[in-house]
């Protein structure tokens, strides 16, 4: 009996520590774990309106943006919770140091001597329905050529006006 109890405990522990990440909304990015025993879950009947401010650049130019990957996690977590894609309304506004992430691979390589690790992530976020904007003020301040950006990113007048506009439309503000 003692061995059986130890075996059951061992199986439970190994299951909880050996889960693999899943990617239900954004392929290859923002991997999450299923939590079948969670008592608090997203409500699939709600519309999720969120505007995400992304300010910080990656710690290293060859590293994926933690903040952009976290938006992928946000999408995946809600999808895992049963929220349909058409009820997810997510807008990213990049500014400050994060502005450099929007450079196309050629332009990014000229600046950092490495390829832009965020190129595919931008594509997957856009495919998942995320609207991606960059602050026009930051583009000018950081001397980033708007004609040399990844195509999934569009220019906004500013981060400030975009955040206030979306908040007045009822979007929840998140900052990564």
N, C-alpha and C. Protein backbone atom coordinates (compact mmCIF):
# COMPACT_ATOMS: atom_id res chain seq x y z
N UNK A 1 0.83 -1.19 0.00
CA UNK A 1 0.00 0.00 0.00
C UNK A 1 0.87 1.26 0.00
N UNK A 2 1.93 1.22 0.79
CA UNK A 2 2.83 2.35 0.88
C UNK A 2 3.48 2.63 -0.49
N UNK A 3 3.86 1.57 -1.19
CA UNK A 3 4.47 1.71 -2.52
C UNK A 3 3.47 2.30 -3.52
N UNK A 4 2.22 1.90 -3.42
CA UNK A 4 1.19 2.41 -4.31
C UNK A 4 0.99 3.91 -4.11
N UNK A 5 0.96 4.34 -2.87
CA UNK A 5 0.79 5.77 -2.55
C UNK A 5 1.99 6.56 -3.07
N UNK A 6 3.19 6.05 -2.88
CA UNK A 6 4.39 6.72 -3.38
C UNK A 6 4.38 6.80 -4.91
N UNK A 7 3.92 5.74 -5.56
CA UNK A 7 3.83 5.74 -7.02
C UNK A 7 2.83 6.79 -7.50
N UNK A 8 1.69 6.89 -6.86
CA UNK A 8 0.68 7.88 -7.24
C UNK A 8 1.22 9.29 -7.04
N UNK A 9 1.85 9.55 -5.93
CA UNK A 9 2.44 10.87 -5.66
C UNK A 9 3.51 11.19 -6.69
N UNK A 10 4.31 10.22 -7.01
CA UNK A 10 5.37 10.40 -8.01
C UNK A 10 4.77 10.74 -9.38
N UNK A 11 3.72 10.05 -9.77
CA UNK A 11 3.08 10.32 -11.05
C UNK A 11 2.47 11.72 -11.09
N UNK A 12 1.82 12.11 -10.02
CA UNK A 12 1.22 13.44 -9.94
C UNK A 12 2.30 14.51 -10.05
N UNK A 13 3.38 14.34 -9.31
CA UNK A 13 4.47 15.32 -9.35
C UNK A 13 5.12 15.37 -10.72
N UNK A 14 5.37 14.24 -11.32
CA UNK A 14 6.01 14.23 -12.64
C UNK A 14 5.10 14.85 -13.68
N UNK A 15 3.79 14.67 -13.57
CA UNK A 15 2.86 15.28 -14.51
C UNK A 15 2.90 16.80 -14.40
N UNK A 16 2.89 17.29 -13.17
CA UNK A 16 2.83 18.74 -12.99
C UNK A 16 4.14 19.42 -13.38
N UNK A 17 5.25 18.68 -13.38
CA UNK A 17 6.53 19.29 -13.74
C UNK A 17 6.98 18.98 -15.16
N UNK A 18 6.30 18.08 -15.83
CA UNK A 18 6.77 17.71 -17.16
C UNK A 18 5.79 18.11 -18.26
N UNK A 19 4.88 19.00 -17.96
CA UNK A 19 3.96 19.45 -18.98
C UNK A 19 4.71 20.17 -20.08
N UNK A 20 4.19 20.08 -21.27
CA UNK A 20 4.79 20.83 -22.38
C UNK A 20 3.95 22.05 -22.67
N UNK A 21 4.61 23.05 -23.17
CA UNK A 21 3.91 24.30 -23.50
C UNK A 21 3.03 24.09 -24.73
N UNK A 22 1.93 24.83 -24.75
CA UNK A 22 1.02 24.79 -25.89
C UNK A 22 0.91 26.19 -26.50
N UNK A 23 0.47 26.25 -27.75
CA UNK A 23 0.41 27.50 -28.50
C UNK A 23 -0.92 27.57 -29.26
N UNK A 24 -2.05 27.73 -28.55
CA UNK A 24 -3.35 27.64 -29.22
C UNK A 24 -3.72 28.82 -30.13
N UNK A 25 -3.14 30.00 -29.93
CA UNK A 25 -3.52 31.16 -30.75
C UNK A 25 -2.35 31.71 -31.56
N UNK A 26 -1.17 31.74 -30.96
CA UNK A 26 0.01 32.29 -31.62
C UNK A 26 1.04 31.17 -31.73
N UNK A 27 1.21 30.67 -32.95
CA UNK A 27 2.11 29.54 -33.17
C UNK A 27 3.55 29.88 -32.80
N UNK A 28 4.19 28.97 -32.08
CA UNK A 28 5.62 29.01 -31.77
C UNK A 28 6.03 30.05 -30.74
N UNK A 29 5.13 30.92 -30.30
CA UNK A 29 5.50 31.98 -29.37
C UNK A 29 4.51 32.05 -28.21
N UNK A 30 5.00 32.53 -27.06
CA UNK A 30 4.13 32.71 -25.91
C UNK A 30 3.57 31.41 -25.38
N UNK A 31 4.39 30.38 -25.37
CA UNK A 31 3.94 29.07 -24.91
C UNK A 31 3.42 29.11 -23.47
N UNK A 32 2.35 28.38 -23.24
CA UNK A 32 1.71 28.35 -21.92
C UNK A 32 1.45 26.91 -21.50
N UNK A 33 1.10 26.74 -20.24
CA UNK A 33 0.76 25.43 -19.71
C UNK A 33 -0.74 25.37 -19.44
N UNK A 34 -1.34 24.24 -19.73
CA UNK A 34 -2.75 24.04 -19.37
C UNK A 34 -2.85 23.92 -17.86
N UNK A 35 -3.87 24.53 -17.29
CA UNK A 35 -4.12 24.47 -15.85
C UNK A 35 -5.56 23.99 -15.68
N UNK A 36 -5.80 22.69 -15.80
CA UNK A 36 -7.17 22.17 -15.77
C UNK A 36 -7.86 22.36 -14.42
N UNK A 37 -7.10 22.55 -13.37
CA UNK A 37 -7.66 22.69 -12.03
C UNK A 37 -7.87 24.16 -11.63
N UNK A 38 -7.62 25.09 -12.56
CA UNK A 38 -7.81 26.51 -12.25
C UNK A 38 -9.27 26.80 -11.95
N UNK A 39 -9.51 27.58 -10.92
CA UNK A 39 -10.87 27.98 -10.58
C UNK A 39 -11.26 29.30 -11.23
N UNK A 40 -10.29 30.13 -11.50
CA UNK A 40 -10.54 31.41 -12.18
C UNK A 40 -10.04 31.28 -13.61
N UNK A 41 -10.95 31.47 -14.55
CA UNK A 41 -10.61 31.31 -15.97
C UNK A 41 -11.21 32.45 -16.77
N UNK A 42 -10.69 32.70 -17.98
CA UNK A 42 -11.30 33.72 -18.84
C UNK A 42 -12.75 33.35 -19.16
N UNK A 43 -13.57 34.37 -19.36
CA UNK A 43 -14.98 34.17 -19.68
C UNK A 43 -15.15 34.24 -21.20
N UNK A 44 -15.41 33.12 -21.85
CA UNK A 44 -15.54 33.09 -23.31
C UNK A 44 -16.69 33.94 -23.86
N UNK A 45 -17.61 34.37 -23.02
CA UNK A 45 -18.73 35.18 -23.50
C UNK A 45 -18.37 36.66 -23.60
N UNK A 46 -17.25 37.07 -23.01
CA UNK A 46 -16.85 38.48 -23.00
C UNK A 46 -16.03 38.83 -24.23
N UNK A 47 -16.07 40.11 -24.59
CA UNK A 47 -15.15 40.67 -25.58
C UNK A 47 -13.96 41.22 -24.79
N UNK A 48 -12.77 40.82 -25.17
CA UNK A 48 -11.56 41.26 -24.49
C UNK A 48 -10.90 42.36 -25.32
N UNK A 49 -11.05 43.60 -24.85
CA UNK A 49 -10.47 44.77 -25.50
C UNK A 49 -9.27 45.21 -24.67
N UNK A 50 -8.06 45.07 -25.25
CA UNK A 50 -6.85 45.39 -24.51
C UNK A 50 -5.89 46.16 -25.39
N UNK A 51 -5.31 47.21 -24.83
CA UNK A 51 -4.25 47.95 -25.50
C UNK A 51 -3.00 47.75 -24.65
N UNK A 52 -1.92 47.35 -25.31
CA UNK A 52 -0.69 47.00 -24.61
C UNK A 52 0.41 47.98 -24.98
N UNK A 53 0.93 48.65 -23.97
CA UNK A 53 2.05 49.57 -24.16
C UNK A 53 3.35 48.77 -24.04
N UNK A 54 4.18 48.85 -25.07
CA UNK A 54 5.48 48.18 -25.07
C UNK A 54 6.54 49.26 -25.25
N UNK A 55 7.37 49.44 -24.22
CA UNK A 55 8.34 50.53 -24.22
C UNK A 55 9.79 50.06 -24.28
N UNK A 56 10.10 48.99 -23.61
CA UNK A 56 11.51 48.59 -23.46
C UNK A 56 12.00 47.76 -24.63
N UNK A 57 13.22 48.06 -25.04
CA UNK A 57 13.84 47.24 -26.08
C UNK A 57 14.36 45.96 -25.46
N UNK A 58 14.68 45.01 -26.28
CA UNK A 58 15.22 43.74 -25.80
C UNK A 58 16.55 43.99 -25.09
N UNK A 59 16.84 43.15 -24.09
CA UNK A 59 18.10 43.31 -23.36
C UNK A 59 19.30 43.14 -24.28
N UNK A 60 19.19 42.21 -25.21
CA UNK A 60 20.24 41.98 -26.20
C UNK A 60 19.59 42.01 -27.58
N UNK A 61 20.26 42.59 -28.57
CA UNK A 61 19.66 42.68 -29.92
C UNK A 61 19.32 41.33 -30.54
N UNK A 62 20.00 40.26 -30.12
CA UNK A 62 19.72 38.95 -30.70
C UNK A 62 18.67 38.17 -29.92
N UNK A 63 18.06 38.83 -28.93
CA UNK A 63 17.04 38.18 -28.09
C UNK A 63 15.64 38.61 -28.49
N UNK A 64 14.74 37.66 -28.44
CA UNK A 64 13.33 37.93 -28.69
C UNK A 64 12.81 38.94 -27.66
N UNK A 65 11.97 39.84 -28.08
CA UNK A 65 11.39 40.82 -27.16
C UNK A 65 10.50 40.11 -26.14
N UNK A 66 10.84 40.25 -24.87
CA UNK A 66 10.05 39.64 -23.80
C UNK A 66 8.62 40.17 -23.86
N UNK A 67 8.48 41.47 -24.08
CA UNK A 67 7.15 42.09 -24.07
C UNK A 67 6.28 41.57 -25.22
N UNK A 68 6.83 41.48 -26.41
CA UNK A 68 6.05 40.98 -27.55
C UNK A 68 5.69 39.51 -27.34
N UNK A 69 6.62 38.74 -26.80
CA UNK A 69 6.34 37.34 -26.50
C UNK A 69 5.25 37.23 -25.43
N UNK A 70 5.22 38.19 -24.52
CA UNK A 70 4.19 38.19 -23.47
C UNK A 70 2.81 38.48 -24.06
N UNK A 71 2.74 39.27 -25.12
CA UNK A 71 1.47 39.49 -25.80
C UNK A 71 1.01 38.17 -26.43
N UNK A 72 1.95 37.41 -26.97
CA UNK A 72 1.61 36.09 -27.51
C UNK A 72 1.07 35.20 -26.39
N UNK A 73 1.67 35.27 -25.20
CA UNK A 73 1.18 34.51 -24.05
C UNK A 73 -0.25 34.93 -23.71
N UNK A 74 -0.50 36.23 -23.71
CA UNK A 74 -1.83 36.76 -23.43
C UNK A 74 -2.85 36.17 -24.38
N UNK A 75 -2.52 36.14 -25.66
CA UNK A 75 -3.42 35.58 -26.66
C UNK A 75 -3.63 34.08 -26.43
N UNK A 76 -2.54 33.36 -26.17
CA UNK A 76 -2.63 31.92 -25.95
C UNK A 76 -3.41 31.58 -24.69
N UNK A 77 -3.22 32.34 -23.63
CA UNK A 77 -3.95 32.07 -22.39
C UNK A 77 -5.46 32.23 -22.57
N UNK A 78 -5.86 33.28 -23.26
CA UNK A 78 -7.29 33.49 -23.50
C UNK A 78 -7.86 32.42 -24.42
N UNK A 79 -7.09 32.05 -25.45
CA UNK A 79 -7.56 30.99 -26.36
C UNK A 79 -7.72 29.68 -25.60
N UNK A 80 -6.75 29.36 -24.74
CA UNK A 80 -6.84 28.15 -23.94
C UNK A 80 -8.10 28.18 -23.05
N UNK A 81 -8.46 29.38 -22.61
CA UNK A 81 -9.64 29.54 -21.76
C UNK A 81 -10.94 29.50 -22.53
N UNK A 82 -10.86 29.32 -23.85
CA UNK A 82 -12.08 29.19 -24.65
C UNK A 82 -12.56 30.48 -25.30
N UNK A 83 -11.79 31.57 -25.16
CA UNK A 83 -12.21 32.83 -25.78
C UNK A 83 -11.93 32.74 -27.28
N UNK A 84 -12.97 32.89 -28.11
CA UNK A 84 -12.77 32.80 -29.56
C UNK A 84 -11.98 34.00 -30.10
N UNK A 85 -11.28 33.79 -31.18
CA UNK A 85 -10.44 34.82 -31.80
C UNK A 85 -11.22 36.11 -32.06
N UNK A 86 -12.47 35.97 -32.49
CA UNK A 86 -13.26 37.17 -32.81
C UNK A 86 -13.64 38.00 -31.58
N UNK A 87 -13.41 37.47 -30.39
CA UNK A 87 -13.69 38.23 -29.16
C UNK A 87 -12.41 38.81 -28.54
N UNK A 88 -11.28 38.59 -29.21
CA UNK A 88 -10.00 39.14 -28.76
C UNK A 88 -9.65 40.36 -29.60
N UNK A 89 -9.61 41.52 -28.96
CA UNK A 89 -9.31 42.78 -29.64
C UNK A 89 -8.08 43.36 -28.95
N UNK A 90 -6.92 43.04 -29.48
CA UNK A 90 -5.66 43.42 -28.83
C UNK A 90 -4.89 44.35 -29.76
N UNK A 91 -4.43 45.46 -29.17
CA UNK A 91 -3.65 46.46 -29.89
C UNK A 91 -2.34 46.64 -29.13
N UNK A 92 -1.24 46.55 -29.85
CA UNK A 92 0.08 46.82 -29.26
C UNK A 92 0.53 48.19 -29.74
N UNK A 93 1.08 48.99 -28.82
CA UNK A 93 1.67 50.28 -29.19
C UNK A 93 3.11 50.28 -28.70
N UNK A 94 4.04 50.23 -29.64
CA UNK A 94 5.47 50.26 -29.31
C UNK A 94 5.96 51.69 -29.32
N UNK A 95 6.86 52.00 -28.39
CA UNK A 95 7.49 53.33 -28.36
C UNK A 95 8.78 53.21 -27.59
N UNK A 96 9.47 54.33 -27.44
CA UNK A 96 10.74 54.32 -26.71
C UNK A 96 11.72 53.34 -27.34
N UNK A 97 12.48 52.64 -26.51
CA UNK A 97 13.47 51.68 -26.99
C UNK A 97 12.89 50.55 -27.80
N UNK A 98 11.62 50.20 -27.55
CA UNK A 98 10.97 49.11 -28.29
C UNK A 98 10.78 49.46 -29.76
N UNK A 99 10.91 50.72 -30.10
CA UNK A 99 10.77 51.16 -31.49
C UNK A 99 11.75 50.43 -32.40
N UNK A 100 12.94 50.13 -31.89
CA UNK A 100 13.95 49.45 -32.72
C UNK A 100 13.50 48.06 -33.14
N UNK A 101 12.61 47.45 -32.39
CA UNK A 101 12.13 46.10 -32.75
C UNK A 101 11.37 46.08 -34.06
N UNK A 102 10.84 47.21 -34.50
CA UNK A 102 9.99 47.22 -35.70
C UNK A 102 10.79 47.30 -36.99
N UNK A 103 12.11 47.44 -36.89
CA UNK A 103 12.94 47.56 -38.09
C UNK A 103 12.95 46.24 -38.87
N UNK A 104 12.89 46.35 -40.20
CA UNK A 104 12.98 45.13 -41.01
C UNK A 104 14.36 44.50 -40.81
N UNK A 105 14.52 43.28 -41.28
CA UNK A 105 15.73 42.53 -41.00
C UNK A 105 16.99 43.20 -41.55
N UNK A 106 16.89 43.74 -42.74
CA UNK A 106 18.06 44.39 -43.34
C UNK A 106 18.52 45.60 -42.52
N UNK A 107 17.57 46.44 -42.16
CA UNK A 107 17.85 47.67 -41.40
C UNK A 107 18.34 47.32 -39.98
N UNK A 108 17.71 46.33 -39.38
CA UNK A 108 18.09 45.86 -38.04
C UNK A 108 19.53 45.33 -38.06
N UNK A 109 19.86 44.56 -39.09
CA UNK A 109 21.20 43.98 -39.22
C UNK A 109 22.25 45.09 -39.36
N UNK A 110 21.93 46.14 -40.10
CA UNK A 110 22.87 47.26 -40.25
C UNK A 110 23.15 47.92 -38.90
N UNK A 111 22.12 48.01 -38.07
CA UNK A 111 22.29 48.66 -36.76
C UNK A 111 22.97 47.75 -35.74
N UNK A 112 22.55 46.48 -35.67
CA UNK A 112 23.00 45.60 -34.58
C UNK A 112 23.95 44.47 -35.00
N UNK A 113 24.13 44.27 -36.29
CA UNK A 113 24.99 43.18 -36.80
C UNK A 113 24.45 41.79 -36.46
N UNK A 114 23.14 41.70 -36.20
CA UNK A 114 22.43 40.43 -36.01
C UNK A 114 21.06 40.57 -36.68
N UNK A 115 20.45 39.44 -37.00
CA UNK A 115 19.12 39.47 -37.60
C UNK A 115 18.08 39.79 -36.54
N UNK A 116 17.00 40.43 -36.96
CA UNK A 116 15.92 40.79 -36.05
C UNK A 116 15.19 39.52 -35.60
N UNK A 117 15.31 39.16 -34.33
CA UNK A 117 14.69 37.92 -33.85
C UNK A 117 13.18 38.00 -33.72
N UNK A 118 12.61 39.18 -33.93
CA UNK A 118 11.17 39.39 -33.74
C UNK A 118 10.35 39.32 -35.03
N UNK A 119 11.00 39.14 -36.16
CA UNK A 119 10.32 39.16 -37.45
C UNK A 119 9.16 38.16 -37.50
N UNK A 120 9.42 36.92 -37.19
CA UNK A 120 8.38 35.89 -37.26
C UNK A 120 7.31 36.11 -36.18
N UNK A 121 7.72 36.61 -35.03
CA UNK A 121 6.76 36.89 -33.96
C UNK A 121 5.75 37.95 -34.40
N UNK A 122 6.22 39.00 -35.07
CA UNK A 122 5.30 40.01 -35.60
C UNK A 122 4.29 39.36 -36.55
N UNK A 123 4.77 38.48 -37.42
CA UNK A 123 3.88 37.80 -38.38
C UNK A 123 2.83 36.97 -37.66
N UNK A 124 3.26 36.21 -36.66
CA UNK A 124 2.33 35.34 -35.93
C UNK A 124 1.32 36.14 -35.12
N UNK A 125 1.75 37.25 -34.52
CA UNK A 125 0.82 38.10 -33.77
C UNK A 125 -0.24 38.68 -34.72
N UNK A 126 0.20 39.17 -35.87
CA UNK A 126 -0.75 39.73 -36.84
C UNK A 126 -1.72 38.65 -37.33
N UNK A 127 -1.22 37.45 -37.58
CA UNK A 127 -2.08 36.34 -38.00
C UNK A 127 -3.12 36.02 -36.92
N UNK A 128 -2.74 36.18 -35.66
CA UNK A 128 -3.66 35.92 -34.54
C UNK A 128 -4.66 37.06 -34.35
N UNK A 129 -4.53 38.14 -35.14
CA UNK A 129 -5.49 39.24 -35.07
C UNK A 129 -5.04 40.44 -34.26
N UNK A 130 -3.80 40.46 -33.82
CA UNK A 130 -3.29 41.59 -33.03
C UNK A 130 -2.97 42.75 -33.97
N UNK A 131 -3.44 43.94 -33.60
CA UNK A 131 -3.12 45.17 -34.34
C UNK A 131 -1.83 45.72 -33.72
N UNK A 132 -0.82 45.98 -34.57
CA UNK A 132 0.49 46.39 -34.06
C UNK A 132 0.81 47.79 -34.59
N UNK A 133 1.01 48.70 -33.66
CA UNK A 133 1.31 50.10 -33.99
C UNK A 133 2.63 50.53 -33.36
N UNK A 134 3.27 51.50 -34.00
CA UNK A 134 4.46 52.11 -33.41
C UNK A 134 4.23 53.62 -33.37
N UNK A 135 4.74 54.21 -32.33
CA UNK A 135 4.61 55.65 -32.12
C UNK A 135 5.41 56.41 -33.19
N UNK A 136 4.75 57.28 -33.93
CA UNK A 136 5.41 58.08 -34.95
C UNK A 136 6.44 59.04 -34.35
N UNK A 137 6.15 59.52 -33.15
CA UNK A 137 7.08 60.42 -32.46
C UNK A 137 8.38 59.68 -32.13
N UNK A 138 8.25 58.43 -31.69
CA UNK A 138 9.43 57.62 -31.37
C UNK A 138 10.23 57.28 -32.62
N UNK A 139 9.53 57.03 -33.73
CA UNK A 139 10.25 56.75 -34.98
C UNK A 139 11.19 57.91 -35.33
N UNK A 140 10.66 59.12 -35.22
CA UNK A 140 11.47 60.30 -35.54
C UNK A 140 12.57 60.50 -34.50
N UNK A 141 12.21 60.42 -33.23
CA UNK A 141 13.19 60.61 -32.15
C UNK A 141 14.33 59.60 -32.22
N UNK A 142 14.01 58.36 -32.57
CA UNK A 142 15.00 57.27 -32.60
C UNK A 142 15.63 57.11 -33.98
N UNK A 143 15.22 57.96 -34.91
CA UNK A 143 15.75 57.92 -36.28
C UNK A 143 15.56 56.56 -36.95
N UNK A 144 14.35 56.01 -36.81
CA UNK A 144 13.99 54.75 -37.46
C UNK A 144 13.18 55.11 -38.71
N UNK A 145 13.66 54.68 -39.85
CA UNK A 145 13.02 54.98 -41.13
C UNK A 145 11.72 54.19 -41.25
N UNK A 146 10.61 54.89 -41.36
CA UNK A 146 9.29 54.24 -41.43
C UNK A 146 9.13 53.36 -42.66
N UNK A 147 9.94 53.58 -43.68
CA UNK A 147 9.86 52.75 -44.88
C UNK A 147 10.67 51.47 -44.74
N UNK A 148 11.35 51.30 -43.62
CA UNK A 148 12.18 50.11 -43.40
C UNK A 148 11.72 49.34 -42.16
N UNK A 149 10.39 49.26 -42.02
CA UNK A 149 9.80 48.53 -40.89
C UNK A 149 9.24 47.21 -41.38
N UNK A 150 8.98 46.30 -40.43
CA UNK A 150 8.30 45.07 -40.78
C UNK A 150 6.88 45.45 -41.23
N UNK A 151 6.33 44.77 -42.23
CA UNK A 151 5.05 45.18 -42.80
C UNK A 151 3.86 45.05 -41.85
N UNK A 152 3.96 44.25 -40.81
CA UNK A 152 2.84 44.04 -39.88
C UNK A 152 2.62 45.24 -38.97
N UNK A 153 3.58 46.15 -38.90
CA UNK A 153 3.51 47.30 -37.99
C UNK A 153 3.08 48.54 -38.76
N UNK A 154 2.11 49.25 -38.19
CA UNK A 154 1.61 50.49 -38.78
C UNK A 154 1.98 51.66 -37.87
N UNK A 155 2.03 52.85 -38.43
CA UNK A 155 2.45 54.05 -37.68
C UNK A 155 1.24 54.75 -37.07
N UNK A 156 1.37 55.09 -35.80
CA UNK A 156 0.37 55.91 -35.09
C UNK A 156 0.95 57.31 -34.90
N UNK A 157 0.11 58.30 -34.74
CA UNK A 157 0.59 59.65 -34.48
C UNK A 157 1.52 59.64 -33.27
N UNK A 158 1.06 58.98 -32.21
CA UNK A 158 1.87 58.90 -30.99
C UNK A 158 1.34 57.77 -30.11
N UNK A 159 2.18 57.34 -29.19
CA UNK A 159 1.75 56.37 -28.19
C UNK A 159 0.72 57.02 -27.29
N UNK A 160 0.97 58.26 -26.91
CA UNK A 160 0.09 58.96 -25.96
C UNK A 160 -1.34 59.07 -26.49
N UNK A 161 -1.49 59.50 -27.73
CA UNK A 161 -2.85 59.65 -28.27
C UNK A 161 -3.50 58.29 -28.52
N UNK A 162 -2.71 57.32 -28.89
CA UNK A 162 -3.27 55.98 -29.15
C UNK A 162 -3.77 55.35 -27.85
N UNK A 163 -2.97 55.43 -26.79
CA UNK A 163 -3.40 54.85 -25.52
C UNK A 163 -4.65 55.54 -24.99
N UNK A 164 -4.69 56.86 -25.05
CA UNK A 164 -5.87 57.55 -24.52
C UNK A 164 -7.10 57.26 -25.36
N UNK A 165 -6.94 57.19 -26.67
CA UNK A 165 -8.08 56.89 -27.54
C UNK A 165 -8.65 55.51 -27.24
N UNK A 166 -7.78 54.51 -27.15
CA UNK A 166 -8.28 53.16 -26.89
C UNK A 166 -8.85 53.02 -25.48
N UNK A 167 -8.27 53.71 -24.51
CA UNK A 167 -8.84 53.65 -23.16
C UNK A 167 -10.23 54.28 -23.14
N UNK A 168 -10.43 55.37 -23.85
CA UNK A 168 -11.74 56.00 -23.91
C UNK A 168 -12.75 55.12 -24.65
N UNK A 169 -12.25 54.21 -25.48
CA UNK A 169 -13.11 53.24 -26.16
C UNK A 169 -13.39 52.02 -25.28
N UNK A 170 -12.86 52.01 -24.07
CA UNK A 170 -13.12 50.92 -23.14
C UNK A 170 -12.08 49.81 -23.12
N UNK A 171 -10.93 50.04 -23.72
CA UNK A 171 -9.86 49.03 -23.72
C UNK A 171 -9.11 49.07 -22.40
N UNK A 172 -8.81 47.90 -21.87
CA UNK A 172 -7.98 47.80 -20.67
C UNK A 172 -6.53 48.05 -21.06
N UNK A 173 -5.81 48.79 -20.24
CA UNK A 173 -4.41 49.11 -20.52
C UNK A 173 -3.50 48.13 -19.79
N UNK A 174 -2.59 47.52 -20.55
CA UNK A 174 -1.55 46.66 -19.99
C UNK A 174 -0.21 47.27 -20.41
N UNK A 175 0.79 47.13 -19.57
CA UNK A 175 2.12 47.64 -19.91
C UNK A 175 3.13 46.53 -19.73
N UNK A 176 3.82 46.20 -20.80
CA UNK A 176 4.87 45.17 -20.76
C UNK A 176 6.20 45.81 -21.11
